[in-house]
Amino acid sequence: MGSIGTPELIVILVIALVIFGPGKLPEVG
């Protein structure tokens, strides 16, 4: 994985949100 742009970061963030749930992310919940 050489270059990661903004779309990739958004996808990773969404996946992390689905996996961990909103309760684990302070900025969301």
Protein backbone atom coordinates (compact mmCIF):
# COMPACT_ATOMS: atom_id res chain seq x y z
CA MET A 1 0.00 0.00 0.00
CA GLY A 2 1.95 2.96 -1.29
CA SER A 3 -0.34 5.94 -1.55
CA ILE A 4 -3.52 6.28 0.48
CA GLY A 5 -5.84 9.13 -0.42
CA THR A 6 -8.86 10.66 1.24
CA PRO A 7 -11.40 8.16 -0.23
CA GLU A 8 -9.41 5.26 1.21
CA LEU A 9 -9.31 6.92 4.63
CA ILE A 10 -13.07 7.45 4.51
CA VAL A 11 -13.64 3.79 3.62
CA ILE A 12 -11.33 2.65 6.43
CA LEU A 13 -13.12 4.95 8.88
CA VAL A 14 -16.52 3.59 7.88
CA ILE A 15 -15.30 -0.01 8.19
CA ALA A 16 -13.80 0.73 11.61
CA LEU A 17 -17.08 2.34 12.66
CA VAL A 18 -19.01 -0.77 11.61
CA ILE A 19 -16.55 -3.15 13.31
CA PHE A 20 -16.01 -1.34 16.61
CA GLY A 21 -19.35 0.42 16.84
CA PRO A 22 -20.08 4.08 17.61
CA GLY A 23 -19.50 3.59 21.35
CA LYS A 24 -15.77 2.98 20.89
CA LEU A 25 -15.24 6.21 18.94
CA PRO A 26 -15.27 9.29 21.25
CA GLU A 27 -15.84 11.83 18.46
CA VAL A 28 -18.97 10.02 17.31
CA GLY A 29 -20.62 8.83 20.47
